[in-house]
């Protein structure tokens, strides 16, 4: 069974797996040279595994070629310094072409033989002619890749409405599904400005505590349910999952906040009143 290492090519980037047979003493944090679809790349070991992940086919694992040498790291850094200049030259060609695209970032591979340029656009764009012009100008293989608004936020970074750096740009490897149901379950205002991130999509952090809310709410009665407590019987008016309590309105219109342990019985659910 080959030893497997997870490698990142950029900070907070996706982890790709490689066969580290012959380099059994590799440790997390070391730099290595590997062959990818973009040519040779220098990446940093993020994890060391003794077994192949179940969702990875053994035959698809490419080998780690070698440890990176100091010269490799210098070369990689030199190409990264060239990326801003390359992006500026790409922008000149885009402006001249009139194509409705917004360039985000340019990334050279380790040896400078391949330049990947990310962009966003509100529609699909035929950029084949533009790619040919960029290849002649930059004298290297150029790949244009259209991404979505969430990827734009991850690539460009920024500050969220919470005042912290964007989660996607600091520690999230992949985007998880987020739904409006999560906001409802957490009793958060459904005002779009309050539950949307800088990308305009639902806040990724809505998913962080969703599992907790699901589990806690299973142990608590729902709004409009009728319950019996030590204070008397009444109707559930509000549920507080964080405190694990419910607010019950008693017949005398007095409300009490009780925990799940203080609820003696759920006796039914109040029917909705008919409209007059």
Foldseek 3Di string as FASTA:
>chain_A
DFKKFWWDQDALAATDIAGAPVPVVDDFQFWFWFQDPQGIAITTTHDIGPDDPPVDDPVPHHHGPGTDDPVLVVQQVVVVVCFVVLVVVLVVLCVVVVDQKAWQTWHAGSNRQEIETEIEGPDDDDCPVSQVVSCVVSVHRYHYDYDALVVSCLRRWDAWPVRHIACSVHHHHDQDDDDVVLCVLQVHDPPQVVQATPSSHGRSCSPVCSVLSVVLVVLDDDFQWWFAFPVGIFGFHAAHSVVQWTWGQHPVRDIDIDHSVRTPGGDGGDDDDDDD
